C-alpha atoms as a PDB file:
ATOM      1  CA  MET A   1      89.671  49.564 -32.253  1.00  0.00           C
ATOM      2  CA  SER A   2      92.296  47.430 -30.570  1.00  0.00           C
ATOM      3  CA  ALA A   3      94.261  45.176 -32.904  1.00  0.00           C
ATOM      4  CA  ALA A   4      94.897  42.729 -30.147  1.00  0.00           C
ATOM      5  CA  ARG A   5      91.132  41.974 -29.864  1.00  0.00           C
ATOM      6  CA  ASN A   6      90.530  38.306 -30.772  1.00  0.00           C
ATOM      7  CA  ASN A   7      86.727  38.128 -31.161  1.00  0.00           C
ATOM      8  CA  LYS A   8      85.588  40.593 -33.780  1.00  0.00           C
ATOM      9  CA  VAL A   9      82.110  41.732 -33.292  1.00  0.00           C
ATOM     10  CA  ALA A  10      80.042  43.601 -36.031  1.00  0.00           C
ATOM     11  CA  TYR A  11      77.163  45.628 -34.664  1.00  0.00           C
ATOM     12  CA  PHE A  12      74.351  46.972 -37.084  1.00  0.00           C
ATOM     13  CA  TYR A  13      71.994  49.842 -36.339  1.00  0.00           C
ATOM     14  CA  ASP A  14      70.235  52.649 -37.983  1.00  0.00           C
ATOM     15  CA  SER A  15      68.491  55.738 -36.387  1.00  0.00           C
ATOM     16  CA  GLU A  16      65.623  55.357 -38.960  1.00  0.00           C
ATOM     17  CA  PHE A  17      64.210  52.501 -36.791  1.00  0.00           C
ATOM     18  CA  SER A  18      62.943  55.112 -34.415  1.00  0.00           C
ATOM     19  CA  THR A  19      60.635  56.557 -37.018  1.00  0.00           C
ATOM     20  CA  PHE A  20      58.583  53.403 -37.468  1.00  0.00           C
ATOM     21  CA  TYR A  21      55.381  53.077 -35.450  1.00  0.00           C
ATOM     22  CA  PHE A  22      53.006  50.042 -35.415  1.00  0.00           C
ATOM     23  CA  GLY A  23      50.238  52.003 -33.504  1.00  0.00           C
ATOM     24  CA  GLN A  24      49.396  53.159 -30.053  1.00  0.00           C
ATOM     25  CA  ASN A  25      48.130  49.927 -28.554  1.00  0.00           C
ATOM     26  CA  HIS A  26      50.564  47.589 -30.364  1.00  0.00           C
ATOM     27  CA  PRO A  27      53.257  45.961 -28.167  1.00  0.00           C
ATOM     28  CA  MET A  28      55.883  46.164 -31.000  1.00  0.00           C
ATOM     29  CA  LYS A  29      57.884  49.344 -30.296  1.00  0.00           C
ATOM     30  CA  PRO A  30      60.763  49.880 -32.658  1.00  0.00           C
ATOM     31  CA  HIS A  31      61.926  52.996 -30.739  1.00  0.00           C
ATOM     32  CA  ARG A  32      63.182  50.556 -28.121  1.00  0.00           C
ATOM     33  CA  LEU A  33      66.020  49.850 -30.596  1.00  0.00           C
ATOM     34  CA  THR A  34      67.149  53.468 -30.086  1.00  0.00           C
ATOM     35  CA  MET A  35      67.001  52.962 -26.298  1.00  0.00           C
ATOM     36  CA  THR A  36      69.092  49.843 -26.631  1.00  0.00           C
ATOM     37  CA  HIS A  37      71.704  51.638 -28.892  1.00  0.00           C
ATOM     38  CA  GLN A  38      71.943  54.458 -26.167  1.00  0.00           C
ATOM     39  CA  LEU A  39      72.746  51.786 -23.660  1.00  0.00           C
ATOM     40  CA  VAL A  40      75.449  50.412 -26.021  1.00  0.00           C
ATOM     41  CA  LEU A  41      76.913  53.994 -26.226  1.00  0.00           C
ATOM     42  CA  GLY A  42      76.464  54.610 -22.477  1.00  0.00           C
ATOM     43  CA  TYR A  43      78.581  51.574 -21.523  1.00  0.00           C
ATOM     44  CA  ASP A  44      81.072  52.400 -24.356  1.00  0.00           C
ATOM     45  CA  LEU A  45      80.498  49.025 -25.890  1.00  0.00           C
ATOM     46  CA  GLN A  46      80.837  50.515 -29.366  1.00  0.00           C
ATOM     47  CA  LYS A  47      84.554  50.736 -28.558  1.00  0.00           C
ATOM     48  CA  HIS A  48      84.777  46.970 -28.549  1.00  0.00           C
ATOM     49  CA  MET A  49      82.812  46.452 -31.832  1.00  0.00           C
ATOM     50  CA  ASP A  50      82.814  47.403 -35.382  1.00  0.00           C
ATOM     51  CA  VAL A  51      79.642  49.537 -35.854  1.00  0.00           C
ATOM     52  CA  PHE A  52      77.925  49.565 -39.158  1.00  0.00           C
ATOM     53  CA  ARG A  53      74.817  51.420 -40.452  1.00  0.00           C
ATOM     54  CA  ALA A  54      72.285  49.008 -41.743  1.00  0.00           C
ATOM     55  CA  VAL A  55      71.889  48.795 -45.563  1.00  0.00           C
ATOM     56  CA  LYS A  56      68.377  48.082 -46.754  1.00  0.00           C
ATOM     57  CA  ALA A  57      67.862  44.775 -48.530  1.00  0.00           C
ATOM     58  CA  GLN A  58      66.626  44.873 -52.205  1.00  0.00           C
ATOM     59  CA  PRO A  59      63.437  43.304 -53.150  1.00  0.00           C
ATOM     60  CA  THR A  60      65.463  40.581 -55.086  1.00  0.00           C
ATOM     61  CA  GLN A  61      67.217  39.745 -51.852  1.00  0.00           C
ATOM     62  CA  LEU A  62      63.930  39.374 -50.009  1.00  0.00           C
ATOM     63  CA  GLY A  63      62.809  37.096 -52.976  1.00  0.00           C
ATOM     64  CA  GLN A  64      65.420  34.617 -52.053  1.00  0.00           C
ATOM     65  CA  PHE A  65      62.711  33.314 -49.522  1.00  0.00           C
ATOM     66  CA  HIS A  66      59.507  35.354 -49.804  1.00  0.00           C
ATOM     67  CA  SER A  67      57.071  34.888 -52.836  1.00  0.00           C
ATOM     68  CA  ALA A  68      56.987  37.482 -55.415  1.00  0.00           C
ATOM     69  CA  ASP A  69      53.346  38.507 -54.829  1.00  0.00           C
ATOM     70  CA  TYR A  70      54.019  38.943 -51.103  1.00  0.00           C
ATOM     71  CA  ILE A  71      56.998  41.169 -51.714  1.00  0.00           C
ATOM     72  CA  ASP A  72      54.875  43.180 -54.212  1.00  0.00           C
ATOM     73  CA  PHE A  73      52.190  43.550 -51.833  1.00  0.00           C
ATOM     74  CA  LEU A  74      54.566  44.770 -49.023  1.00  0.00           C
ATOM     75  CA  ALA A  75      55.977  47.273 -51.340  1.00  0.00           C
ATOM     76  CA  ARG A  76      52.616  48.745 -52.469  1.00  0.00           C
ATOM     77  CA  VAL A  77      50.258  48.688 -49.380  1.00  0.00           C
ATOM     78  CA  THR A  78      49.923  51.864 -47.107  1.00  0.00           C
ATOM     79  CA  PRO A  79      47.584  53.072 -44.583  1.00  0.00           C
ATOM     80  CA  ASP A  80      46.089  55.264 -47.225  1.00  0.00           C
ATOM     81  CA  ASN A  81      45.294  52.567 -49.936  1.00  0.00           C
ATOM     82  CA  MET A  82      44.807  49.433 -47.619  1.00  0.00           C
ATOM     83  CA  GLY A  83      41.223  49.486 -48.422  1.00  0.00           C
ATOM     84  CA  ASP A  84      41.967  48.506 -51.978  1.00  0.00           C
ATOM     85  CA  TYR A  85      43.992  45.546 -50.802  1.00  0.00           C
ATOM     86  CA  SER A  86      41.391  43.853 -48.483  1.00  0.00           C
ATOM     87  CA  ALA A  87      41.656  40.493 -50.239  1.00  0.00           C
ATOM     88  CA  ALA A  88      45.495  40.526 -50.266  1.00  0.00           C
ATOM     89  CA  MET A  89      45.609  41.478 -46.639  1.00  0.00           C
ATOM     90  CA  GLY A  90      43.513  38.391 -45.824  1.00  0.00           C
ATOM     91  CA  LYS A  91      45.657  36.216 -47.960  1.00  0.00           C
ATOM     92  CA  HIS A  92      48.954  37.435 -46.383  1.00  0.00           C
ATOM     93  CA  ASN A  93      47.526  37.276 -42.716  1.00  0.00           C
ATOM     94  CA  PHE A  94      47.436  40.994 -41.992  1.00  0.00           C
ATOM     95  CA  ASN A  95      45.562  41.721 -38.898  1.00  0.00           C
ATOM     96  CA  GLU A  96      45.869  43.473 -35.491  1.00  0.00           C
ATOM     97  CA  ASP A  97      49.145  41.735 -34.832  1.00  0.00           C
ATOM     98  CA  CYS A  98      50.520  42.527 -38.198  1.00  0.00           C
ATOM     99  CA  PRO A  99      49.095  45.969 -39.219  1.00  0.00           C
ATOM    100  CA  VAL A 100      49.832  48.142 -42.143  1.00  0.00           C
ATOM    101  CA  PHE A 101      51.771  51.287 -40.952  1.00  0.00           C
ATOM    102  CA  ASP A 102      53.733  53.966 -42.709  1.00  0.00           C
ATOM    103  CA  GLY A 103      57.093  52.958 -44.051  1.00  0.00           C
ATOM    104  CA  LEU A 104      56.365  49.265 -43.535  1.00  0.00           C
ATOM    105  CA  PHE A 105      58.293  48.030 -46.476  1.00  0.00           C
ATOM    106  CA  GLU A 106      61.255  50.282 -45.699  1.00  0.00           C
ATOM    107  CA  TYR A 107      61.214  48.910 -42.152  1.00  0.00           C
ATOM    108  CA  CYS A 108      61.200  45.329 -43.469  1.00  0.00           C
ATOM    109  CA  ARG A 109      64.157  46.079 -45.972  1.00  0.00           C
ATOM    110  CA  LEU A 110      66.144  47.796 -43.136  1.00  0.00           C
ATOM    111  CA  TYR A 111      66.029  44.997 -40.511  1.00  0.00           C
ATOM    112  CA  ALA A 112      66.411  42.202 -43.212  1.00  0.00           C
ATOM    113  CA  GLY A 113      69.326  44.086 -44.688  1.00  0.00           C
ATOM    114  CA  ALA A 114      71.135  44.209 -41.450  1.00  0.00           C
ATOM    115  CA  SER A 115      70.887  40.453 -40.895  1.00  0.00           C
ATOM    116  CA  ILE A 116      72.015  39.686 -44.500  1.00  0.00           C
ATOM    117  CA  GLN A 117      75.034  42.100 -43.960  1.00  0.00           C
ATOM    118  CA  GLY A 118      75.939  40.359 -40.802  1.00  0.00           C
ATOM    119  CA  ALA A 119      75.816  36.934 -42.634  1.00  0.00           C
ATOM    120  CA  VAL A 120      78.051  38.283 -45.475  1.00  0.00           C
ATOM    121  CA  ARG A 121      80.593  39.531 -42.998  1.00  0.00           C
ATOM    122  CA  LEU A 122      80.534  36.033 -41.282  1.00  0.00           C
ATOM    123  CA  ASN A 123      81.021  34.268 -44.540  1.00  0.00           C
ATOM    124  CA  HIS A 124      84.068  36.401 -45.422  1.00  0.00           C
ATOM    125  CA  GLY A 125      85.689  36.085 -42.001  1.00  0.00           C
ATOM    126  CA  LEU A 126      85.363  39.720 -41.297  1.00  0.00           C
ATOM    127  CA  CYS A 127      83.732  39.090 -37.899  1.00  0.00           C
ATOM    128  CA  ASP A 128      83.190  36.341 -35.422  1.00  0.00           C
ATOM    129  CA  THR A 129      79.794  37.633 -34.057  1.00  0.00           C
ATOM    130  CA  ALA A 130      77.204  39.758 -35.746  1.00  0.00           C
ATOM    131  CA  ILE A 131      74.556  41.649 -33.935  1.00  0.00           C
ATOM    132  CA  ASN A 132      71.367  42.970 -35.212  1.00  0.00           C
ATOM    133  CA  TRP A 133      68.941  43.817 -32.404  1.00  0.00           C
ATOM    134  CA  SER A 134      66.257  44.867 -34.902  1.00  0.00           C
ATOM    135  CA  GLY A 135      66.152  41.341 -36.436  1.00  0.00           C
ATOM    136  CA  GLY A 136      65.039  37.959 -35.302  1.00  0.00           C
ATOM    137  CA  LEU A 137      61.527  38.137 -36.745  1.00  0.00           C
ATOM    138  CA  HIS A 138      61.111  34.381 -36.737  1.00  0.00           C
ATOM    139  CA  HIS A 139      57.462  33.959 -37.346  1.00  0.00           C
ATOM    140  CA  ALA A 140      57.164  35.395 -40.918  1.00  0.00           C
ATOM    141  CA  LYS A 141      56.275  32.722 -43.577  1.00  0.00           C
ATOM    142  CA  LYS A 142      57.024  32.685 -47.335  1.00  0.00           C
ATOM    143  CA  GLY A 143      53.877  34.486 -48.198  1.00  0.00           C
ATOM    144  CA  GLU A 144      52.468  35.583 -44.849  1.00  0.00           C
ATOM    145  CA  ALA A 145      52.971  37.906 -41.938  1.00  0.00           C
ATOM    146  CA  SER A 146      52.686  36.443 -38.495  1.00  0.00           C
ATOM    147  CA  GLY A 147      53.218  37.568 -34.883  1.00  0.00           C
ATOM    148  CA  PHE A 148      54.586  41.044 -35.557  1.00  0.00           C
ATOM    149  CA  CYS A 149      56.913  39.565 -38.171  1.00  0.00           C
ATOM    150  CA  TYR A 150      56.656  40.598 -41.959  1.00  0.00           C
ATOM    151  CA  VAL A 151      60.001  39.523 -43.519  1.00  0.00           C
ATOM    152  CA  ASN A 152      61.977  36.597 -42.083  1.00  0.00           C
ATOM    153  CA  ASP A 153      65.415  38.109 -41.841  1.00  0.00           C
ATOM    154  CA  LEU A 154      66.677  34.877 -40.076  1.00  0.00           C
ATOM    155  CA  VAL A 155      65.815  32.673 -43.090  1.00  0.00           C
ATOM    156  CA  LEU A 156      67.478  35.135 -45.422  1.00  0.00           C
ATOM    157  CA  ALA A 157      70.609  35.311 -43.244  1.00  0.00           C
ATOM    158  CA  ILE A 158      70.791  31.438 -43.065  1.00  0.00           C
ATOM    159  CA  LEU A 159      70.448  31.229 -46.812  1.00  0.00           C
ATOM    160  CA  GLU A 160      73.390  33.618 -47.103  1.00  0.00           C
ATOM    161  CA  LEU A 161      75.360  31.508 -44.788  1.00  0.00           C
ATOM    162  CA  LEU A 162      74.713  28.466 -46.726  1.00  0.00           C
ATOM    163  CA  LYS A 163      76.364  29.831 -49.687  1.00  0.00           C
ATOM    164  CA  TYR A 164      79.733  29.293 -47.900  1.00  0.00           C
ATOM    165  CA  HIS A 165      78.831  26.662 -45.270  1.00  0.00           C
ATOM    166  CA  ALA A 166      77.672  23.013 -45.606  1.00  0.00           C
ATOM    167  CA  ARG A 167      75.435  23.328 -42.663  1.00  0.00           C
ATOM    168  CA  VAL A 168      74.032  25.909 -40.278  1.00  0.00           C
ATOM    169  CA  LEU A 169      72.826  25.451 -36.727  1.00  0.00           C
ATOM    170  CA  TYR A 170      69.884  27.745 -35.890  1.00  0.00           C
ATOM    171  CA  LEU A 171      69.258  28.183 -32.065  1.00  0.00           C
ATOM    172  CA  ASP A 172      66.097  30.033 -31.044  1.00  0.00           C
ATOM    173  CA  ILE A 173      65.623  30.859 -27.270  1.00  0.00           C
ATOM    174  CA  ASP A 174      62.712  33.357 -27.671  1.00  0.00           C
ATOM    175  CA  ILE A 175      59.619  32.475 -25.446  1.00  0.00           C
ATOM    176  CA  HIS A 176      57.664  31.764 -28.664  1.00  0.00           C
ATOM    177  CA  HIS A 177      58.277  28.928 -31.098  1.00  0.00           C
ATOM    178  CA  GLY A 178      60.501  29.783 -34.068  1.00  0.00           C
ATOM    179  CA  ASP A 179      57.935  28.350 -36.521  1.00  0.00           C
ATOM    180  CA  GLY A 180      58.754  30.410 -39.551  1.00  0.00           C
ATOM    181  CA  VAL A 181      62.366  29.406 -39.525  1.00  0.00           C
ATOM    182  CA  GLU A 182      61.507  25.760 -38.726  1.00  0.00           C
ATOM    183  CA  GLU A 183      58.901  25.631 -41.576  1.00  0.00           C
ATOM    184  CA  ALA A 184      61.451  27.004 -44.091  1.00  0.00           C
ATOM    185  CA  PHE A 185      64.064  24.243 -43.432  1.00  0.00           C
ATOM    186  CA  TYR A 186      61.762  21.390 -42.321  1.00  0.00           C
ATOM    187  CA  LEU A 187      62.770  19.158 -45.263  1.00  0.00           C
ATOM    188  CA  THR A 188      66.523  19.761 -45.495  1.00  0.00           C
ATOM    189  CA  ASP A 189      69.511  18.428 -43.556  1.00  0.00           C
ATOM    190  CA  ARG A 190      71.620  21.517 -44.269  1.00  0.00           C
ATOM    191  CA  VAL A 191      69.984  23.510 -41.519  1.00  0.00           C
ATOM    192  CA  MET A 192      69.338  22.249 -37.957  1.00  0.00           C
ATOM    193  CA  THR A 193      66.649  24.152 -36.197  1.00  0.00           C
ATOM    194  CA  VAL A 194      66.559  24.076 -32.431  1.00  0.00           C
ATOM    195  CA  SER A 195      63.908  25.958 -30.488  1.00  0.00           C
ATOM    196  CA  PHE A 196      63.402  26.480 -26.755  1.00  0.00           C
ATOM    197  CA  HIS A 197      59.993  27.905 -26.037  1.00  0.00           C
ATOM    198  CA  LYS A 198      56.847  27.993 -23.989  1.00  0.00           C
ATOM    199  CA  TYR A 199      54.296  25.539 -25.088  1.00  0.00           C
ATOM    200  CA  GLY A 200      50.692  24.686 -24.388  1.00  0.00           C
ATOM    201  CA  ASP A 201      47.583  26.365 -23.046  1.00  0.00           C
ATOM    202  CA  PHE A 202      47.155  27.795 -26.562  1.00  0.00           C
ATOM    203  CA  PHE A 203      50.257  29.889 -26.331  1.00  0.00           C
ATOM    204  CA  PHE A 204      51.248  31.522 -29.625  1.00  0.00           C
ATOM    205  CA  PRO A 205      51.940  30.137 -32.137  1.00  0.00           C
ATOM    206  CA  GLY A 206      50.742  26.791 -30.827  1.00  0.00           C
ATOM    207  CA  THR A 207      53.546  24.891 -32.823  1.00  0.00           C
ATOM    208  CA  GLY A 208      56.770  23.370 -31.714  1.00  0.00           C
ATOM    209  CA  ALA A 209      55.805  20.016 -30.165  1.00  0.00           C
ATOM    210  CA  LEU A 210      58.387  17.538 -29.060  1.00  0.00           C
ATOM    211  CA  ILE A 211      57.273  15.049 -31.949  1.00  0.00           C
ATOM    212  CA  ASP A 212      58.043  17.627 -34.578  1.00  0.00           C
ATOM    213  CA  ILE A 213      61.480  16.474 -35.863  1.00  0.00           C
ATOM    214  CA  GLY A 214      61.598  17.266 -39.578  1.00  0.00           C
ATOM    215  CA  GLU A 215      60.633  15.172 -42.571  1.00  0.00           C
ATOM    216  CA  GLN A 216      62.351  13.656 -45.687  1.00  0.00           C
ATOM    217  CA  ARG A 217      66.029  14.690 -45.749  1.00  0.00           C
ATOM    218  CA  GLY A 218      65.324  16.986 -42.827  1.00  0.00           C
ATOM    219  CA  ARG A 219      64.159  14.263 -40.372  1.00  0.00           C
ATOM    220  CA  TYR A 220      65.960  14.538 -37.105  1.00  0.00           C
ATOM    221  CA  TYR A 221      67.179  18.033 -38.133  1.00  0.00           C
ATOM    222  CA  THR A 222      64.372  19.783 -36.280  1.00  0.00           C
ATOM    223  CA  LEU A 223      64.486  19.781 -32.485  1.00  0.00           C
ATOM    224  CA  ASN A 224      61.839  21.344 -30.275  1.00  0.00           C
ATOM    225  CA  VAL A 225      62.188  21.805 -26.454  1.00  0.00           C
ATOM    226  CA  PRO A 226      58.601  22.781 -25.348  1.00  0.00           C
ATOM    227  CA  LEU A 227      58.682  24.142 -21.835  1.00  0.00           C
ATOM    228  CA  LYS A 228      55.968  24.865 -19.217  1.00  0.00           C
ATOM    229  CA  VAL A 229      55.629  28.322 -18.024  1.00  0.00           C
ATOM    230  CA  SER A 230      56.749  27.409 -14.560  1.00  0.00           C
ATOM    231  CA  SER A 231      60.254  26.673 -15.814  1.00  0.00           C
ATOM    232  CA  ARG A 232      62.617  28.350 -13.436  1.00  0.00           C
ATOM    233  CA  ARG A 233      65.402  30.643 -15.006  1.00  0.00           C
ATOM    234  CA  CYS A 234      68.252  28.608 -13.527  1.00  0.00           C
ATOM    235  CA  GLY A 235      66.821  25.377 -14.922  1.00  0.00           C
ATOM    236  CA  TYR A 236      66.076  26.989 -18.236  1.00  0.00           C
ATOM    237  CA  VAL A 237      69.641  28.211 -18.616  1.00  0.00           C
ATOM    238  CA  LEU A 238      71.082  24.831 -17.610  1.00  0.00           C
ATOM    239  CA  CYS A 239      68.755  23.173 -20.091  1.00  0.00           C
ATOM    240  CA  VAL A 240      69.733  25.520 -22.970  1.00  0.00           C
ATOM    241  CA  GLY A 241      73.355  25.125 -22.152  1.00  0.00           C
ATOM    242  CA  MET A 242      73.429  21.304 -22.034  1.00  0.00           C
ATOM    243  CA  ILE A 243      71.361  20.665 -25.032  1.00  0.00           C
ATOM    244  CA  ALA A 244      72.833  23.340 -27.285  1.00  0.00           C
ATOM    245  CA  GLY A 245      76.340  22.264 -26.339  1.00  0.00           C
ATOM    246  CA  HIS A 246      75.657  18.626 -27.419  1.00  0.00           C
ATOM    247  CA  ILE A 247      73.856  19.608 -30.563  1.00  0.00           C
ATOM    248  CA  ALA A 248      76.699  22.087 -31.614  1.00  0.00           C
ATOM    249  CA  LEU A 249      79.242  19.334 -31.153  1.00  0.00           C
ATOM    250  CA  TYR A 250      77.210  16.849 -33.287  1.00  0.00           C
ATOM    251  CA  THR A 251      76.771  19.348 -36.010  1.00  0.00           C
ATOM    252  CA  VAL A 252      80.516  20.026 -36.128  1.00  0.00           C
ATOM    253  CA  MET A 253      81.231  16.238 -36.243  1.00  0.00           C
ATOM    254  CA  THR A 254      78.742  15.627 -39.056  1.00  0.00           C
ATOM    255  CA  VAL A 255      79.639  18.374 -41.348  1.00  0.00           C
END
C-alpha cells in the first residue's frame, strides 16, 4: 500500500455473501457481490484500497434502530418453522419481495456489520471513503422488511456517524426512493436526506414527492427529486451534480 496515497479507501467484503439465496425467481442475487469482487481483483483495485473482511453486527447494534420484536423475529424465523410465524410475517411485511431464506439473519448481520465498520473507520479518521457493495438496503423500516431490504444498514451507519459528527448528509441516487432512511430521520435536523428517484405511475415504493420536506425540527431537511422515467442520463448526472453540490455546501456552512 503506497504511503503517498492521499485518499484512503476502506473496502469491505466477505465470501459468505455468495452462500445466501433468496430463491430461484427472486431478482435479488447476493452472488453478484462475488462477481463484483472478482472485477475488483481483476483490475487490481485492491492495491489501492485497504481491504477488510466484514464483521457481523451484533443484535444490540441492530437494535440501535430496529425494534426488539423485529430483531427477535429475524433471529428465529427459518424456512422450516415459518409456518409457526404466520402472524409475525404479516406484521413485519414478509412476502414475495421479502421472503424467508436459509441464513437470513446472518445475511442481515453481515451486510449491516460492514456498513457499521465503515462508519466507525470514518469516525476515527482511518479512511476517507468506505465501500460496502452489499449494503444500501434503504427500504427497511424500524419493524418491517420492504423491497428486498430487511435491516437498514444505512440508518445504522448514519447513527454511528452521528456519534462524532453534528450533522450527516445522506445522498440516495438509487432508482427507487430511499423511503426507509427518510422516514427514520424525518423529524430531525441532524440528518439531511436527499433522494433522486423515479416517481409516478405506481412505481415502488410510491413515496418521495416533491412536497415531502420533513416535519418539526426536520422541516426542510428532507429533499426529494422525483424524476420521470424519460430522464436522460446526461441530464440526470447534471441534475445530481448541481443539486448535491449546493446541498453539500449548505450543510457544511450550517454545521
